[in-house]
Amino acid sequence: MKQKIFIAGSALISLVVNLFGGWDTALETLILFMGIDWFTG
């Protein structure tokens, strides 16, 4: 079950990245800080 959730999440992230025109440094930075913000509450 955990693996299926990770696969679905990866597919969704890939779709979003492709819609924004690919993975660049600005998008990587945004995702990084969003993750940090989410983990720290």
Foldseek 3Di string as FASTA:
>chain_A
DVVVVVVVVVVVVVVVQVVVPHDDPVVVVVVVVVVVVVVVD
